[in-house]
Protein backbone atom coordinates (compact mmCIF):
# COMPACT_ATOMS: atom_id res chain seq x y z
CA MET A 1 0.10 -0.24 -0.47
CA LYS A 2 1.06 4.45 -0.89
CA ALA A 3 0.25 5.75 1.97
CA ASP A 4 -1.53 8.17 0.21
CA ASN A 5 -4.08 5.83 -0.01
CA ILE A 6 -3.46 5.74 3.88
CA LYS A 7 -6.41 9.06 4.21
CA ASN A 8 -8.52 7.41 2.59
CA ILE A 9 -9.28 4.08 3.86
CA ILE A 10 -9.60 5.78 7.56
CA SER A 11 -12.03 9.60 6.23
CA ASP A 12 -13.71 5.39 5.98
CA ILE A 13 -13.43 3.56 9.37
CA ASP A 14 -17.19 4.65 10.41
CA HIS A 15 -18.34 2.15 7.11
CA LEU A 16 -16.00 -0.20 6.86
CA PRO A 17 -16.78 -2.93 9.04
CA TYR A 18 -13.09 -3.53 11.47
CA ARG A 19 -13.46 -0.22 13.93
CA ALA A 20 -8.71 -1.22 13.90
CA ILE A 21 -5.99 -0.58 11.14
CA LEU A 22 -2.99 -1.32 11.19
CA PHE A 23 -0.31 0.09 8.76
CA ASP A 24 3.44 -0.88 7.90
CA GLY A 25 5.28 -0.88 5.13
CA THR A 26 8.83 -0.14 5.24
CA TRP A 27 10.64 2.90 7.23
CA GLY A 28 10.21 6.31 5.41
CA ILE A 29 7.33 6.21 3.58
CA GLY A 30 4.76 8.71 4.95
CA LYS A 31 2.92 6.35 7.40
CA SER A 32 3.19 8.22 10.45
CA TYR A 33 2.29 11.42 8.53
CA ALA A 34 -1.03 10.75 6.20
CA VAL A 35 -2.40 8.68 9.28
CA ASN A 36 -1.48 11.77 11.88
CA GLU A 37 -3.13 14.13 9.07
CA ALA A 38 -6.33 11.45 8.21
CA LEU A 39 -6.93 11.54 11.67
CA GLU A 40 -6.57 15.13 12.72
CA ALA A 41 -10.41 15.96 12.24
CA ASN A 42 -12.62 12.52 13.70
CA PRO A 43 -12.65 12.23 17.09
CA ASN A 44 -12.75 9.13 17.80
CA VAL A 45 -9.58 7.68 16.79
CA CYS A 46 -7.11 7.38 18.27
CA LYS A 47 -3.79 6.90 17.07
CA ILE A 48 -0.89 4.04 19.21
CA SER A 49 2.43 3.39 19.28
CA MET A 50 2.68 -0.20 19.52
CA PHE A 51 6.30 0.02 19.61
CA GLY A 52 7.35 -0.91 23.82
CA LEU A 53 3.45 -1.97 24.89
CA LYS A 54 3.49 -5.62 25.89
CA ASP A 55 0.67 -6.78 26.45
CA THR A 56 -2.62 -6.17 25.62
CA ARG A 57 -3.98 -4.28 28.67
CA GLN A 58 -1.41 -1.70 27.92
CA ILE A 59 -2.53 -1.61 24.61
CA TYR A 60 -6.32 -0.52 26.21
CA HIS A 61 -4.37 1.30 28.55
CA GLU A 62 -3.24 3.87 25.86
CA ALA A 63 -6.17 4.03 23.90
CA LEU A 64 -8.54 4.88 26.54
CA PHE A 65 -5.66 7.99 27.41
CA GLN A 66 -5.18 9.30 23.71
CA LEU A 67 -9.08 9.28 23.82
CA ALA A 68 -9.83 10.98 26.44
CA LEU A 69 -7.68 13.30 25.51
CA LYS A 70 -8.56 13.85 22.53
CA ASN A 71 -12.46 14.46 23.31
CA ASN A 72 -11.50 16.27 26.58
CA ILE A 73 -13.38 13.41 28.75
CA GLY A 74 -10.67 13.71 31.05
CA GLY A 75 -11.47 17.24 31.81
CA LYS A 76 -8.90 19.34 34.79
CA ILE A 77 -6.95 15.63 34.19
CA GLY A 78 -6.93 15.81 30.78
CA GLU A 79 -5.58 19.26 30.87
CA ILE A 80 -2.77 18.76 33.73
CA ALA A 81 -1.78 15.67 31.71
CA ASN A 82 -2.09 17.68 27.81
CA ASN A 83 0.74 19.99 29.76
CA ILE A 84 2.68 18.16 30.89
CA LEU A 85 2.64 16.02 27.00
CA ASP A 86 3.20 19.08 25.30
CA GLY A 87 5.92 20.63 27.76
CA ALA A 88 7.37 16.93 27.91
CA SER A 89 7.56 16.76 23.56
CA LYS A 90 9.60 20.27 24.18
CA ILE A 91 12.31 19.37 25.01
């Protein structure tokens, strides 16, 4: 698959029979950029890197954490966590 197909696939996620997509391919073809761009407008999805995750519990927690921050469900806690993540990303 070419990276330019990623945006089309993600834009149809609400009409697809599955709720998870795995994009795999060689490094540097633009997968992360295309996924980030496609997910930007959809508050009901998140991107999870599997790097360093050891079990399904960690995947589940990562998804909950990301969706809470993205949808501001976490309220003040989400705001604090978001500020920490923003600060950490600048370091």
